[in-house]
mmCIF file of all heavy atoms, coordinates in Angstrom:
data_MODEL
# 
_entry.id   MODEL 
# 
loop_
_atom_site.group_PDB 
_atom_site.id 
_atom_site.type_symbol 
_atom_site.label_atom_id 
_atom_site.label_alt_id 
_atom_site.label_comp_id 
_atom_site.label_asym_id 
_atom_site.label_entity_id 
_atom_site.label_seq_id 
_atom_site.pdbx_PDB_ins_code 
_atom_site.Cartn_x 
_atom_site.Cartn_y 
_atom_site.Cartn_z 
_atom_site.occupancy 
_atom_site.B_iso_or_equiv 
_atom_site.pdbx_formal_charge 
_atom_site.auth_seq_id 
_atom_site.auth_comp_id 
_atom_site.auth_asym_id 
_atom_site.auth_atom_id 
_atom_site.pdbx_PDB_model_num 
ATOM 1   N N   . GLU A 1 1  ? 14.598  -16.532 -3.925 1.00 0.00 ? 1  GLU A N   1 
ATOM 2   C CA  . GLU A 1 1  ? 14.000  -17.058 -2.843 1.00 0.00 ? 1  GLU A CA  1 
ATOM 3   C C   . GLU A 1 1  ? 12.686  -17.545 -2.989 1.00 0.00 ? 1  GLU A C   1 
ATOM 4   O O   . GLU A 1 1  ? 11.825  -16.849 -3.594 1.00 0.00 ? 1  GLU A O   1 
ATOM 5   C CB  . GLU A 1 1  ? 14.027  -16.110 -1.590 1.00 0.00 ? 1  GLU A CB  1 
ATOM 6   C CG  . GLU A 1 1  ? 15.470  -15.914 -1.034 1.00 0.00 ? 1  GLU A CG  1 
ATOM 7   C CD  . GLU A 1 1  ? 15.593  -15.150 0.097  1.00 0.00 ? 1  GLU A CD  1 
ATOM 8   O OE1 . GLU A 1 1  ? 15.070  -15.518 1.236  1.00 0.00 ? 1  GLU A OE1 1 
ATOM 9   O OE2 . GLU A 1 1  ? 16.128  -13.882 0.181  1.00 0.00 ? 1  GLU A OE2 1 
ATOM 10  N N   . THR A 1 2  ? 12.343  -18.749 -2.447 1.00 0.00 ? 2  THR A N   1 
ATOM 11  C CA  . THR A 1 2  ? 11.062  -19.427 -2.756 1.00 0.00 ? 2  THR A CA  1 
ATOM 12  C C   . THR A 1 2  ? 9.901   -18.476 -2.374 1.00 0.00 ? 2  THR A C   1 
ATOM 13  O O   . THR A 1 2  ? 8.820   -18.481 -3.126 1.00 0.00 ? 2  THR A O   1 
ATOM 14  C CB  . THR A 1 2  ? 11.021  -20.687 -1.949 1.00 0.00 ? 2  THR A CB  1 
ATOM 15  O OG1 . THR A 1 2  ? 12.131  -21.475 -2.299 1.00 0.00 ? 2  THR A OG1 1 
ATOM 16  C CG2 . THR A 1 2  ? 9.672   -21.461 -2.223 1.00 0.00 ? 2  THR A CG2 1 
ATOM 17  N N   . GLU A 1 3  ? 10.044  -17.773 -1.223 1.00 0.00 ? 3  GLU A N   1 
ATOM 18  C CA  . GLU A 1 3  ? 8.870   -17.074 -0.719 1.00 0.00 ? 3  GLU A CA  1 
ATOM 19  C C   . GLU A 1 3  ? 8.603   -15.749 -1.400 1.00 0.00 ? 3  GLU A C   1 
ATOM 20  O O   . GLU A 1 3  ? 7.777   -14.996 -0.949 1.00 0.00 ? 3  GLU A O   1 
ATOM 21  C CB  . GLU A 1 3  ? 9.107   -16.785 0.747  1.00 0.00 ? 3  GLU A CB  1 
ATOM 22  C CG  . GLU A 1 3  ? 9.086   -18.048 1.613  1.00 0.00 ? 3  GLU A CG  1 
ATOM 23  C CD  . GLU A 1 3  ? 10.479  -18.700 1.716  1.00 0.00 ? 3  GLU A CD  1 
ATOM 24  O OE1 . GLU A 1 3  ? 11.466  -18.313 1.060  1.00 0.00 ? 3  GLU A OE1 1 
ATOM 25  O OE2 . GLU A 1 3  ? 10.552  -19.860 2.326  1.00 0.00 ? 3  GLU A OE2 1 
ATOM 26  N N   . ILE A 1 4  ? 9.251   -15.475 -2.464 1.00 0.00 ? 4  ILE A N   1 
ATOM 27  C CA  . ILE A 1 4  ? 9.091   -14.167 -3.159 1.00 0.00 ? 4  ILE A CA  1 
ATOM 28  C C   . ILE A 1 4  ? 7.638   -14.095 -3.725 1.00 0.00 ? 4  ILE A C   1 
ATOM 29  O O   . ILE A 1 4  ? 7.093   -12.987 -4.008 1.00 0.00 ? 4  ILE A O   1 
ATOM 30  C CB  . ILE A 1 4  ? 9.991   -14.064 -4.428 1.00 0.00 ? 4  ILE A CB  1 
ATOM 31  C CG1 . ILE A 1 4  ? 10.172  -12.608 -4.841 1.00 0.00 ? 4  ILE A CG1 1 
ATOM 32  C CG2 . ILE A 1 4  ? 9.691   -14.923 -5.618 1.00 0.00 ? 4  ILE A CG2 1 
ATOM 33  C CD1 . ILE A 1 4  ? 10.881  -11.743 -3.826 1.00 0.00 ? 4  ILE A CD1 1 
ATOM 34  N N   . THR A 1 5  ? 7.024   -15.207 -3.939 1.00 0.00 ? 5  THR A N   1 
ATOM 35  C CA  . THR A 1 5  ? 5.677   -15.229 -4.556 1.00 0.00 ? 5  THR A CA  1 
ATOM 36  C C   . THR A 1 5  ? 4.571   -15.445 -3.333 1.00 0.00 ? 5  THR A C   1 
ATOM 37  O O   . THR A 1 5  ? 3.409   -15.627 -3.698 1.00 0.00 ? 5  THR A O   1 
ATOM 38  C CB  . THR A 1 5  ? 5.434   -16.257 -5.581 1.00 0.00 ? 5  THR A CB  1 
ATOM 39  O OG1 . THR A 1 5  ? 5.804   -17.595 -5.037 1.00 0.00 ? 5  THR A OG1 1 
ATOM 40  C CG2 . THR A 1 5  ? 6.303   -15.984 -6.747 1.00 0.00 ? 5  THR A CG2 1 
ATOM 41  N N   . VAL A 1 6  ? 4.973   -15.375 -2.088 1.00 0.00 ? 6  VAL A N   1 
ATOM 42  C CA  . VAL A 1 6  ? 4.092   -15.523 -1.013 1.00 0.00 ? 6  VAL A CA  1 
ATOM 43  C C   . VAL A 1 6  ? 2.811   -14.556 -1.070 1.00 0.00 ? 6  VAL A C   1 
ATOM 44  O O   . VAL A 1 6  ? 1.639   -14.983 -0.816 1.00 0.00 ? 6  VAL A O   1 
ATOM 45  C CB  . VAL A 1 6  ? 4.753   -15.351 0.343  1.00 0.00 ? 6  VAL A CB  1 
ATOM 46  C CG1 . VAL A 1 6  ? 3.773   -15.088 1.508  1.00 0.00 ? 6  VAL A CG1 1 
ATOM 47  C CG2 . VAL A 1 6  ? 5.469   -16.794 0.615  1.00 0.00 ? 6  VAL A CG2 1 
ATOM 48  N N   . PRO A 1 7  ? 3.028   -13.285 -1.463 1.00 0.00 ? 7  PRO A N   1 
ATOM 49  C CA  . PRO A 1 7  ? 1.838   -12.480 -1.606 1.00 0.00 ? 7  PRO A CA  1 
ATOM 50  C C   . PRO A 1 7  ? 0.723   -12.940 -2.619 1.00 0.00 ? 7  PRO A C   1 
ATOM 51  O O   . PRO A 1 7  ? -0.407  -12.816 -2.416 1.00 0.00 ? 7  PRO A O   1 
ATOM 52  C CB  . PRO A 1 7  ? 2.417   -11.012 -2.075 1.00 0.00 ? 7  PRO A CB  1 
ATOM 53  C CG  . PRO A 1 7  ? 3.866   -11.096 -1.554 1.00 0.00 ? 7  PRO A CG  1 
ATOM 54  C CD  . PRO A 1 7  ? 4.183   -12.555 -1.669 1.00 0.00 ? 7  PRO A CD  1 
ATOM 55  N N   . ILE A 1 8  ? 1.274   -13.628 -3.729 1.00 0.00 ? 8  ILE A N   1 
ATOM 56  C CA  . ILE A 1 8  ? 0.294   -14.210 -4.654 1.00 0.00 ? 8  ILE A CA  1 
ATOM 57  C C   . ILE A 1 8  ? -0.452  -15.433 -4.061 1.00 0.00 ? 8  ILE A C   1 
ATOM 58  O O   . ILE A 1 8  ? -1.603  -15.502 -4.152 1.00 0.00 ? 8  ILE A O   1 
ATOM 59  C CB  . ILE A 1 8  ? 1.136   -14.580 -5.915 1.00 0.00 ? 8  ILE A CB  1 
ATOM 60  C CG1 . ILE A 1 8  ? 1.970   -13.543 -6.522 1.00 0.00 ? 8  ILE A CG1 1 
ATOM 61  C CG2 . ILE A 1 8  ? 0.198   -15.176 -7.009 1.00 0.00 ? 8  ILE A CG2 1 
ATOM 62  C CD1 . ILE A 1 8  ? 1.191   -12.378 -7.134 1.00 0.00 ? 8  ILE A CD1 1 
ATOM 63  N N   . TYR A 1 9  ? 0.483   -16.238 -3.286 1.00 0.00 ? 9  TYR A N   1 
ATOM 64  C CA  . TYR A 1 9  ? -0.134  -17.367 -2.639 1.00 0.00 ? 9  TYR A CA  1 
ATOM 65  C C   . TYR A 1 9  ? -1.182  -16.956 -1.705 1.00 0.00 ? 9  TYR A C   1 
ATOM 66  O O   . TYR A 1 9  ? -2.298  -17.530 -1.572 1.00 0.00 ? 9  TYR A O   1 
ATOM 67  C CB  . TYR A 1 9  ? 1.011   -18.216 -2.092 1.00 0.00 ? 9  TYR A CB  1 
ATOM 68  C CG  . TYR A 1 9  ? 0.573   -19.291 -1.157 1.00 0.00 ? 9  TYR A CG  1 
ATOM 69  C CD1 . TYR A 1 9  ? 0.229   -20.610 -1.599 1.00 0.00 ? 9  TYR A CD1 1 
ATOM 70  C CD2 . TYR A 1 9  ? 0.515   -19.081 0.261  1.00 0.00 ? 9  TYR A CD2 1 
ATOM 71  C CE1 . TYR A 1 9  ? -0.214  -21.615 -0.802 1.00 0.00 ? 9  TYR A CE1 1 
ATOM 72  C CE2 . TYR A 1 9  ? 0.118   -20.166 1.125  1.00 0.00 ? 9  TYR A CE2 1 
ATOM 73  C CZ  . TYR A 1 9  ? -0.192  -21.331 0.633  1.00 0.00 ? 9  TYR A CZ  1 
ATOM 74  O OH  . TYR A 1 9  ? -0.553  -22.458 1.388  1.00 0.00 ? 9  TYR A OH  1 
ATOM 75  N N   . THR A 1 10 ? -0.836  -15.927 -0.852 1.00 0.00 ? 10 THR A N   1 
ATOM 76  C CA  . THR A 1 10 ? -1.742  -15.418 0.184  1.00 0.00 ? 10 THR A CA  1 
ATOM 77  C C   . THR A 1 10 ? -3.062  -14.961 -0.362 1.00 0.00 ? 10 THR A C   1 
ATOM 78  O O   . THR A 1 10 ? -4.169  -15.163 0.101  1.00 0.00 ? 10 THR A O   1 
ATOM 79  C CB  . THR A 1 10 ? -1.069  -14.431 1.001  1.00 0.00 ? 10 THR A CB  1 
ATOM 80  O OG1 . THR A 1 10 ? 0.149   -15.013 1.627  1.00 0.00 ? 10 THR A OG1 1 
ATOM 81  C CG2 . THR A 1 10 ? -1.920  -14.010 2.150  1.00 0.00 ? 10 THR A CG2 1 
ATOM 82  N N   . GLU A 1 11 ? -2.915  -14.167 -1.501 1.00 0.00 ? 11 GLU A N   1 
ATOM 83  C CA  . GLU A 1 11 ? -4.077  -13.656 -2.124 1.00 0.00 ? 11 GLU A CA  1 
ATOM 84  C C   . GLU A 1 11 ? -5.053  -14.928 -2.574 1.00 0.00 ? 11 GLU A C   1 
ATOM 85  O O   . GLU A 1 11 ? -6.284  -14.780 -2.312 1.00 0.00 ? 11 GLU A O   1 
ATOM 86  C CB  . GLU A 1 11 ? -3.715  -12.933 -3.374 1.00 0.00 ? 11 GLU A CB  1 
ATOM 87  C CG  . GLU A 1 11 ? -4.978  -12.142 -4.055 1.00 0.00 ? 11 GLU A CG  1 
ATOM 88  C CD  . GLU A 1 11 ? -4.524  -11.230 -5.170 1.00 0.00 ? 11 GLU A CD  1 
ATOM 89  O OE1 . GLU A 1 11 ? -3.321  -10.898 -5.194 1.00 0.00 ? 11 GLU A OE1 1 
ATOM 90  O OE2 . GLU A 1 11 ? -5.331  -10.924 -6.024 1.00 0.00 ? 11 GLU A OE2 1 
ATOM 91  N N   . ALA A 1 12 ? -4.525  -15.805 -3.159 1.00 0.00 ? 12 ALA A N   1 
ATOM 92  C CA  . ALA A 1 12 ? -5.352  -17.034 -3.656 1.00 0.00 ? 12 ALA A CA  1 
ATOM 93  C C   . ALA A 1 12 ? -5.951  -17.741 -2.412 1.00 0.00 ? 12 ALA A C   1 
ATOM 94  O O   . ALA A 1 12 ? -7.115  -18.090 -2.419 1.00 0.00 ? 12 ALA A O   1 
ATOM 95  C CB  . ALA A 1 12 ? -4.456  -18.053 -4.415 1.00 0.00 ? 12 ALA A CB  1 
ATOM 96  N N   . LYS A 1 13 ? -5.137  -17.888 -1.291 1.00 0.00 ? 13 LYS A N   1 
ATOM 97  C CA  . LYS A 1 13 ? -5.622  -18.466 -0.085 1.00 0.00 ? 13 LYS A CA  1 
ATOM 98  C C   . LYS A 1 13 ? -6.711  -17.758 0.563  1.00 0.00 ? 13 LYS A C   1 
ATOM 99  O O   . LYS A 1 13 ? -7.758  -18.321 0.989  1.00 0.00 ? 13 LYS A O   1 
ATOM 100 C CB  . LYS A 1 13 ? -4.490  -18.651 0.923  1.00 0.00 ? 13 LYS A CB  1 
ATOM 101 C CG  . LYS A 1 13 ? -4.843  -19.171 2.360  1.00 0.00 ? 13 LYS A CG  1 
ATOM 102 C CD  . LYS A 1 13 ? -3.645  -19.323 3.178  1.00 0.00 ? 13 LYS A CD  1 
ATOM 103 C CE  . LYS A 1 13 ? -3.111  -18.016 3.650  1.00 0.00 ? 13 LYS A CE  1 
ATOM 104 N NZ  . LYS A 1 13 ? -4.064  -17.165 4.502  1.00 0.00 ? 13 LYS A NZ  1 
ATOM 105 N N   . ASN A 1 14 ? -6.630  -16.449 0.660  1.00 0.00 ? 14 ASN A N   1 
ATOM 106 C CA  . ASN A 1 14 ? -7.644  -15.598 1.258  1.00 0.00 ? 14 ASN A CA  1 
ATOM 107 C C   . ASN A 1 14 ? -8.914  -15.580 0.454  1.00 0.00 ? 14 ASN A C   1 
ATOM 108 O O   . ASN A 1 14 ? -9.944  -15.426 0.963  1.00 0.00 ? 14 ASN A O   1 
ATOM 109 C CB  . ASN A 1 14 ? -7.084  -14.223 1.420  1.00 0.00 ? 14 ASN A CB  1 
ATOM 110 C CG  . ASN A 1 14 ? -6.078  -14.123 2.566  1.00 0.00 ? 14 ASN A CG  1 
ATOM 111 O OD1 . ASN A 1 14 ? -5.903  -15.101 3.358  1.00 0.00 ? 14 ASN A OD1 1 
ATOM 112 N ND2 . ASN A 1 14 ? -5.319  -12.962 2.517  1.00 0.00 ? 14 ASN A ND2 1 
ATOM 113 N N   . ARG A 1 15 ? -8.808  -15.770 -0.879 1.00 0.00 ? 15 ARG A N   1 
ATOM 114 C CA  . ARG A 1 15 ? -9.877  -15.691 -1.680 1.00 0.00 ? 15 ARG A CA  1 
ATOM 115 C C   . ARG A 1 15 ? -10.748 -16.980 -1.379 1.00 0.00 ? 15 ARG A C   1 
ATOM 116 O O   . ARG A 1 15 ? -11.965 -16.986 -1.318 1.00 0.00 ? 15 ARG A O   1 
ATOM 117 C CB  . ARG A 1 15 ? -9.493  -15.729 -3.204 1.00 0.00 ? 15 ARG A CB  1 
ATOM 118 C CG  . ARG A 1 15 ? -10.655 -15.715 -4.193 1.00 0.00 ? 15 ARG A CG  1 
ATOM 119 C CD  . ARG A 1 15 ? -10.173 -15.885 -5.594 1.00 0.00 ? 15 ARG A CD  1 
ATOM 120 N NE  . ARG A 1 15 ? -9.433  -17.162 -5.893 1.00 0.00 ? 15 ARG A NE  1 
ATOM 121 C CZ  . ARG A 1 15 ? -8.403  -17.342 -6.670 1.00 0.00 ? 15 ARG A CZ  1 
ATOM 122 N NH1 . ARG A 1 15 ? -8.012  -16.264 -7.407 1.00 0.00 ? 15 ARG A NH1 1 
ATOM 123 N NH2 . ARG A 1 15 ? -7.937  -18.444 -6.782 1.00 0.00 ? 15 ARG A NH2 1 
ATOM 124 N N   . LEU A 1 16 ? -9.989  -18.159 -1.228 1.00 0.00 ? 16 LEU A N   1 
ATOM 125 C CA  . LEU A 1 16 ? -10.810 -19.346 -0.894 1.00 0.00 ? 16 LEU A CA  1 
ATOM 126 C C   . LEU A 1 16 ? -11.368 -19.184 0.531  1.00 0.00 ? 16 LEU A C   1 
ATOM 127 O O   . LEU A 1 16 ? -12.505 -19.774 0.797  1.00 0.00 ? 16 LEU A O   1 
ATOM 128 C CB  . LEU A 1 16 ? -9.747  -20.553 -0.913 1.00 0.00 ? 16 LEU A CB  1 
ATOM 129 C CG  . LEU A 1 16 ? -9.293  -20.961 -2.300 1.00 0.00 ? 16 LEU A CG  1 
ATOM 130 C CD1 . LEU A 1 16 ? -8.188  -22.029 -2.201 1.00 0.00 ? 16 LEU A CD1 1 
ATOM 131 C CD2 . LEU A 1 16 ? -10.385 -21.520 -3.119 1.00 0.00 ? 16 LEU A CD2 1 
ATOM 132 N N   . GLU A 1 17 ? -10.699 -18.556 1.490  1.00 0.00 ? 17 GLU A N   1 
ATOM 133 C CA  . GLU A 1 17 ? -11.294 -18.322 2.789  1.00 0.00 ? 17 GLU A CA  1 
ATOM 134 C C   . GLU A 1 17 ? -12.541 -17.524 2.767  1.00 0.00 ? 17 GLU A C   1 
ATOM 135 O O   . GLU A 1 17 ? -13.482 -17.842 3.454  1.00 0.00 ? 17 GLU A O   1 
ATOM 136 C CB  . GLU A 1 17 ? -10.217 -17.613 3.679  1.00 0.00 ? 17 GLU A CB  1 
ATOM 137 C CG  . GLU A 1 17 ? -9.043  -18.557 4.097  1.00 0.00 ? 17 GLU A CG  1 
ATOM 138 C CD  . GLU A 1 17 ? -7.996  -17.819 4.904  1.00 0.00 ? 17 GLU A CD  1 
ATOM 139 O OE1 . GLU A 1 17 ? -8.133  -16.701 5.128  1.00 0.00 ? 17 GLU A OE1 1 
ATOM 140 O OE2 . GLU A 1 17 ? -6.937  -18.478 5.308  1.00 0.00 ? 17 GLU A OE2 1 
ATOM 141 N N   . ARG A 1 18 ? -12.564 -16.525 1.843  1.00 0.00 ? 18 ARG A N   1 
ATOM 142 C CA  . ARG A 1 18 ? -13.719 -15.721 1.690  1.00 0.00 ? 18 ARG A CA  1 
ATOM 143 C C   . ARG A 1 18 ? -15.034 -16.505 1.184  1.00 0.00 ? 18 ARG A C   1 
ATOM 144 O O   . ARG A 1 18 ? -16.072 -16.284 1.529  1.00 0.00 ? 18 ARG A O   1 
ATOM 145 C CB  . ARG A 1 18 ? -13.499 -14.537 0.758  1.00 0.00 ? 18 ARG A CB  1 
ATOM 146 C CG  . ARG A 1 18 ? -12.841 -13.306 1.561  1.00 0.00 ? 18 ARG A CG  1 
ATOM 147 C CD  . ARG A 1 18 ? -13.025 -12.072 0.594  1.00 0.00 ? 18 ARG A CD  1 
ATOM 148 N NE  . ARG A 1 18 ? -12.084 -12.307 -0.563 1.00 0.00 ? 18 ARG A NE  1 
ATOM 149 C CZ  . ARG A 1 18 ? -10.799 -11.942 -0.604 1.00 0.00 ? 18 ARG A CZ  1 
ATOM 150 N NH1 . ARG A 1 18 ? -10.177 -11.545 0.513  1.00 0.00 ? 18 ARG A NH1 1 
ATOM 151 N NH2 . ARG A 1 18 ? -10.081 -12.052 -1.648 1.00 0.00 ? 18 ARG A NH2 1 
ATOM 152 N N   . GLU A 1 19 ? -14.605 -17.460 0.253  1.00 0.00 ? 19 GLU A N   1 
ATOM 153 C CA  . GLU A 1 19 ? -15.772 -18.309 -0.312 1.00 0.00 ? 19 GLU A CA  1 
ATOM 154 C C   . GLU A 1 19 ? -16.334 -19.169 0.719  1.00 0.00 ? 19 GLU A C   1 
ATOM 155 O O   . GLU A 1 19 ? -17.511 -19.521 0.620  1.00 0.00 ? 19 GLU A O   1 
ATOM 156 C CB  . GLU A 1 19 ? -15.114 -19.120 -1.510 1.00 0.00 ? 19 GLU A CB  1 
ATOM 157 C CG  . GLU A 1 19 ? -14.761 -18.245 -2.700 1.00 0.00 ? 19 GLU A CG  1 
ATOM 158 C CD  . GLU A 1 19 ? -14.048 -19.000 -3.820 1.00 0.00 ? 19 GLU A CD  1 
ATOM 159 O OE1 . GLU A 1 19 ? -13.798 -20.177 -3.627 1.00 0.00 ? 19 GLU A OE1 1 
ATOM 160 O OE2 . GLU A 1 19 ? -13.672 -18.426 -4.846 1.00 0.00 ? 19 GLU A OE2 1 
ATOM 161 N N   . GLY A 1 20 ? -15.404 -19.655 1.552  1.00 0.00 ? 20 GLY A N   1 
ATOM 162 C CA  . GLY A 1 20 ? -15.975 -20.440 2.731  1.00 0.00 ? 20 GLY A CA  1 
ATOM 163 C C   . GLY A 1 20 ? -16.485 -21.756 2.603  1.00 0.00 ? 20 GLY A C   1 
ATOM 164 O O   . GLY A 1 20 ? -17.296 -22.294 3.340  1.00 0.00 ? 20 GLY A O   1 
ATOM 165 N N   . ASN A 1 21 ? -16.033 -22.361 1.495  1.00 0.00 ? 21 ASN A N   1 
ATOM 166 C CA  . ASN A 1 21 ? -16.476 -23.797 1.229  1.00 0.00 ? 21 ASN A CA  1 
ATOM 167 C C   . ASN A 1 21 ? -15.621 -24.794 1.944  1.00 0.00 ? 21 ASN A C   1 
ATOM 168 O O   . ASN A 1 21 ? -14.433 -24.529 2.124  1.00 0.00 ? 21 ASN A O   1 
ATOM 169 C CB  . ASN A 1 21 ? -16.411 -24.031 -0.348 1.00 0.00 ? 21 ASN A CB  1 
ATOM 170 C CG  . ASN A 1 21 ? -17.283 -23.154 -1.143 1.00 0.00 ? 21 ASN A CG  1 
ATOM 171 O OD1 . ASN A 1 21 ? -18.384 -22.710 -0.732 1.00 0.00 ? 21 ASN A OD1 1 
ATOM 172 N ND2 . ASN A 1 21 ? -16.913 -22.735 -2.259 1.00 0.00 ? 21 ASN A ND2 1 
ATOM 173 N N   . ASN A 1 22 ? -16.198 -25.926 2.209  1.00 0.00 ? 22 ASN A N   1 
ATOM 174 C CA  . ASN A 1 22 ? -15.519 -27.078 2.830  1.00 0.00 ? 22 ASN A CA  1 
ATOM 175 C C   . ASN A 1 22 ? -14.647 -26.601 4.061  1.00 0.00 ? 22 ASN A C   1 
ATOM 176 O O   . ASN A 1 22 ? -13.330 -26.842 4.106  1.00 0.00 ? 22 ASN A O   1 
ATOM 177 C CB  . ASN A 1 22 ? -14.573 -27.733 1.807  1.00 0.00 ? 22 ASN A CB  1 
ATOM 178 C CG  . ASN A 1 22 ? -15.351 -28.326 0.643  1.00 0.00 ? 22 ASN A CG  1 
ATOM 179 O OD1 . ASN A 1 22 ? -16.450 -28.816 0.882  1.00 0.00 ? 22 ASN A OD1 1 
ATOM 180 N ND2 . ASN A 1 22 ? -14.782 -28.191 -0.556 1.00 0.00 ? 22 ASN A ND2 1 
ATOM 181 N N   . LYS A 1 23 ? -15.301 -26.048 5.065  1.00 0.00 ? 23 LYS A N   1 
ATOM 182 C CA  . LYS A 1 23 ? -14.526 -25.675 6.260  1.00 0.00 ? 23 LYS A CA  1 
ATOM 183 C C   . LYS A 1 23 ? -14.301 -26.847 7.171  1.00 0.00 ? 23 LYS A C   1 
ATOM 184 O O   . LYS A 1 23 ? -14.988 -27.758 7.170  1.00 0.00 ? 23 LYS A O   1 
ATOM 185 C CB  . LYS A 1 23 ? -15.407 -24.635 7.049  1.00 0.00 ? 23 LYS A CB  1 
ATOM 186 C CG  . LYS A 1 23 ? -15.453 -23.266 6.343  1.00 0.00 ? 23 LYS A CG  1 
ATOM 187 C CD  . LYS A 1 23 ? -16.197 -22.304 7.349  1.00 0.00 ? 23 LYS A CD  1 
ATOM 188 C CE  . LYS A 1 23 ? -16.215 -20.956 6.678  1.00 0.00 ? 23 LYS A CE  1 
ATOM 189 N NZ  . LYS A 1 23 ? -16.965 -19.966 7.553  1.00 0.00 ? 23 LYS A NZ  1 
ATOM 190 N N   . PRO A 1 24 ? -13.097 -26.956 7.838  1.00 0.00 ? 24 PRO A N   1 
ATOM 191 C CA  . PRO A 1 24 ? -11.962 -25.973 7.741  1.00 0.00 ? 24 PRO A CA  1 
ATOM 192 C C   . PRO A 1 24 ? -11.155 -26.093 6.504  1.00 0.00 ? 24 PRO A C   1 
ATOM 193 O O   . PRO A 1 24 ? -10.900 -27.226 5.988  1.00 0.00 ? 24 PRO A O   1 
ATOM 194 C CB  . PRO A 1 24 ? -11.193 -26.243 8.996  1.00 0.00 ? 24 PRO A CB  1 
ATOM 195 C CG  . PRO A 1 24 ? -11.340 -27.714 9.118  1.00 0.00 ? 24 PRO A CG  1 
ATOM 196 C CD  . PRO A 1 24 ? -12.775 -28.012 8.810  1.00 0.00 ? 24 PRO A CD  1 
# 
């Protein structure tokens, strides 16, 4: 299933959210 790597994707997304560049 495609979503098996969602935790990896979410970790990368949240890292970018923490950096806070180019909001939104």
